[in-house]
C-alpha atoms as a PDB file:
ATOM      1  CA  PHE A   1    -126.709  50.662 -82.415  1.00  0.00           C
ATOM      2  CA  HIS A   2    -130.115  50.214 -83.704  1.00  0.00           C
ATOM      3  CA  THR A   3    -130.507  54.258 -82.301  1.00  0.00           C
ATOM      4  CA  LEU A   4    -127.487  56.238 -83.998  1.00  0.00           C
ATOM      5  CA  GLY A   5    -128.090  53.448 -87.697  1.00  0.00           C
ATOM      6  CA  LEU A   6    -131.733  55.268 -86.852  1.00  0.00           C
ATOM      7  CA  ASP A   7    -130.207  58.584 -86.851  1.00  0.00           C
ATOM      8  CA  ILE A   8    -128.660  57.854 -89.382  1.00  0.00           C
ATOM      9  CA  ILE A   9    -130.769  57.558 -92.036  1.00  0.00           C
ATOM     10  CA  LYS A  10    -133.220  60.508 -90.193  1.00  0.00           C
ATOM     11  CA  ARG A  11    -130.410  62.453 -92.412  1.00  0.00           C
ATOM     12  CA  GLU A  12    -129.466  60.372 -95.198  1.00  0.00           C
ATOM     13  CA  PHE A  13    -133.439  59.028 -96.719  1.00  0.00           C
ATOM     14  CA  ALA A  14    -132.596  60.454 -99.751  1.00  0.00           C
ATOM     15  CA  ALA A  15    -129.321  59.072-100.130  1.00  0.00           C
ATOM     16  CA  LEU A  16    -130.236  56.205 -99.504  1.00  0.00           C
ATOM     17  CA  GLY A  17    -133.659  56.217-101.999  1.00  0.00           C
ATOM     18  CA  MET A  18    -135.720  56.290 -99.501  1.00  0.00           C
ATOM     19  CA  LYS A  19    -139.037  59.547 -98.220  1.00  0.00           C
ATOM     20  CA  SER A  20    -138.656  61.105 -94.891  1.00  0.00           C
ATOM     21  CA  ASN A  21    -141.967  59.489 -94.141  1.00  0.00           C
ATOM     22  CA  PHE A  22    -140.536  55.059 -93.924  1.00  0.00           C
ATOM     23  CA  SER A  23    -141.585  53.101 -90.862  1.00  0.00           C
ATOM     24  CA  LEU A  24    -138.997  50.938 -89.234  1.00  0.00           C
ATOM     25  CA  PHE A  25    -140.600  47.162 -88.735  1.00  0.00           C
ATOM     26  CA  ASP A  26    -140.126  45.286 -85.918  1.00  0.00           C
ATOM     27  CA  ASP A  27    -139.936  41.401 -85.573  1.00  0.00           C
ATOM     28  CA  THR A  28    -143.496  40.782 -85.510  1.00  0.00           C
ATOM     29  CA  ASP A  29    -144.447  43.428 -88.087  1.00  0.00           C
ATOM     30  CA  GLN A  30    -141.302  41.151 -90.249  1.00  0.00           C
ATOM     31  CA  VAL A  31    -142.815  37.842 -88.924  1.00  0.00           C
ATOM     32  CA  ALA A  32    -146.336  38.871 -90.355  1.00  0.00           C
ATOM     33  CA  LEU A  33    -144.698  40.043 -93.566  1.00  0.00           C
ATOM     34  CA  LEU A  34    -142.925  37.325 -94.494  1.00  0.00           C
ATOM     35  CA  LYS A  35    -145.621  34.487 -93.763  1.00  0.00           C
ATOM     36  CA  GLU A  36    -147.803  37.298 -95.832  1.00  0.00           C
ATOM     37  CA  LEU A  37    -144.742  36.944 -98.739  1.00  0.00           C
ATOM     38  CA  THR A  38    -143.902  33.263 -98.530  1.00  0.00           C
ATOM     39  CA  GLU A  39    -147.833  31.280 -98.100  1.00  0.00           C
ATOM     40  CA  GLY A  40    -147.980  28.913-100.857  1.00  0.00           C
ATOM     41  CA  LEU A  41    -143.595  28.916-102.063  1.00  0.00           C
ATOM     42  CA  ILE A  42    -142.837  27.454 -98.452  1.00  0.00           C
ATOM     43  CA  GLU A  43    -144.966  25.318 -96.032  1.00  0.00           C
ATOM     44  CA  ASP A  44    -146.879  26.890 -92.955  1.00  0.00           C
ATOM     45  CA  ASP A  45    -143.883  25.917 -91.062  1.00  0.00           C
ATOM     46  CA  LYS A  46    -142.549  28.290 -87.513  1.00  0.00           C
ATOM     47  CA  LEU A  47    -139.661  26.769 -87.769  1.00  0.00           C
ATOM     48  CA  ILE A  48    -139.082  27.240 -91.796  1.00  0.00           C
ATOM     49  CA  LEU A  49    -140.024  30.497 -91.384  1.00  0.00           C
ATOM     50  CA  GLN A  50    -137.667  31.068 -88.437  1.00  0.00           C
ATOM     51  CA  GLN A  51    -134.521  30.113 -90.563  1.00  0.00           C
ATOM     52  CA  LEU A  52    -135.283  31.915 -93.617  1.00  0.00           C
ATOM     53  CA  ILE A  53    -136.255  35.107 -91.596  1.00  0.00           C
ATOM     54  CA  SER A  54    -132.579  33.946 -90.023  1.00  0.00           C
ATOM     55  CA  THR A  55    -131.160  32.991 -93.763  1.00  0.00           C
ATOM     56  CA  ILE A  56    -132.159  36.776 -94.352  1.00  0.00           C
ATOM     57  CA  SER A  57    -130.667  38.691 -92.254  1.00  0.00           C
ATOM     58  CA  ASN A  58    -127.329  36.710 -92.600  1.00  0.00           C
ATOM     59  CA  TRP A  59    -127.706  38.092 -96.500  1.00  0.00           C
ATOM     60  CA  LYS A  60    -128.577  41.255 -95.450  1.00  0.00           C
ATOM     61  CA  ASN A  61    -125.253  41.798 -92.749  1.00  0.00           C
ATOM     62  CA  ASP A  62    -122.823  40.167 -95.446  1.00  0.00           C
ATOM     63  CA  LEU A  63    -124.718  43.681 -97.816  1.00  0.00           C
ATOM     64  CA  MET A  64    -126.057  40.636 -99.732  1.00  0.00           C
ATOM     65  CA  THR A  65    -128.573  42.056-102.471  1.00  0.00           C
ATOM     66  CA  PRO A  66    -131.799  39.309-103.151  1.00  0.00           C
ATOM     67  CA  ALA A  67    -129.368  38.768-107.388  1.00  0.00           C
ATOM     68  CA  GLN A  68    -126.317  37.873-105.456  1.00  0.00           C
ATOM     69  CA  ALA A  69    -128.415  35.144-103.189  1.00  0.00           C
ATOM     70  CA  ALA A  70    -129.590  34.118-105.792  1.00  0.00           C
ATOM     71  CA  ALA A  71    -126.635  33.858-107.896  1.00  0.00           C
ATOM     72  CA  SER A  72    -124.652  32.017-105.285  1.00  0.00           C
ATOM     73  CA  ALA A  73    -127.672  29.467-104.305  1.00  0.00           C
ATOM     74  CA  LYS A  74    -126.080  26.638-104.061  1.00  0.00           C
ATOM     75  CA  GLY A  75    -129.996  24.361-103.994  1.00  0.00           C
ATOM     76  CA  GLU A  76    -133.348  24.454-103.152  1.00  0.00           C
ATOM     77  CA  ARG A  77    -133.576  25.830-100.692  1.00  0.00           C
ATOM     78  CA  ASP A  78    -131.665  28.604-100.946  1.00  0.00           C
ATOM     79  CA  ARG A  79    -133.314  29.398-104.254  1.00  0.00           C
ATOM     80  CA  ILE A  80    -136.594  29.617-102.983  1.00  0.00           C
ATOM     81  CA  PHE A  81    -135.297  32.609 -99.805  1.00  0.00           C
ATOM     82  CA  ALA A  82    -134.077  33.856-101.876  1.00  0.00           C
ATOM     83  CA  HIS A  83    -136.744  34.235-103.931  1.00  0.00           C
ATOM     84  CA  CYS A  84    -138.584  35.209-100.576  1.00  0.00           C
ATOM     85  CA  TYR A  85    -136.637  37.831 -99.563  1.00  0.00           C
ATOM     86  CA  GLY A  86    -135.942  39.412-102.923  1.00  0.00           C
ATOM     87  CA  LEU A  87    -139.878  39.720-101.866  1.00  0.00           C
ATOM     88  CA  TYR A  88    -139.296  41.243 -99.560  1.00  0.00           C
ATOM     89  CA  ASP A  89    -136.878  43.190 -99.894  1.00  0.00           C
ATOM     90  CA  ALA A  90    -138.956  44.834-103.222  1.00  0.00           C
ATOM     91  CA  HIS A  91    -142.201  45.270-100.839  1.00  0.00           C
ATOM     92  CA  MET A  92    -139.668  46.998 -98.712  1.00  0.00           C
ATOM     93  CA  LYS A  93    -138.717  49.270-100.752  1.00  0.00           C
ATOM     94  CA  ALA A  94    -142.332  50.323-102.267  1.00  0.00           C
ATOM     95  CA  CYS A  95    -144.290  50.802 -98.063  1.00  0.00           C
ATOM     96  CA  ASN A  96    -141.181  52.851 -97.292  1.00  0.00           C
ATOM     97  CA  VAL A  97    -140.651  50.404 -94.577  1.00  0.00           C
ATOM     98  CA  LEU A  98    -136.922  49.637 -92.390  1.00  0.00           C
ATOM     99  CA  ASP A  99    -136.428  46.449 -90.660  1.00  0.00           C
ATOM    100  CA  PHE A 100    -134.161  46.428 -87.727  1.00  0.00           C
ATOM    101  CA  ASP A 101    -131.111  44.702 -90.214  1.00  0.00           C
ATOM    102  CA  ASP A 102    -131.719  48.065 -92.839  1.00  0.00           C
ATOM    103  CA  LEU A 103    -130.227  49.541 -89.211  1.00  0.00           C
END
């Protein structure tokens, strides 16, 4: 499934607002970036970071933008996670990077 998604993105990168030299982050890259972006926003705790990654993955798979995630936030944790999702999404776009949930 991921291979098919990657093949489509390689052909249609411009329609997606990407440049042809985009990169693909694996799980290790994603964890490292989110750890860096969330410093001072969430506790330096592996469990919370994994919850954030899972939540972002769910939002992406539900085709929710960071703004939609923020609008649907039901509590403080959801608001913080939505903010972190926005930071993550902006960084990924600025650096021309995708993760597996984008495929």
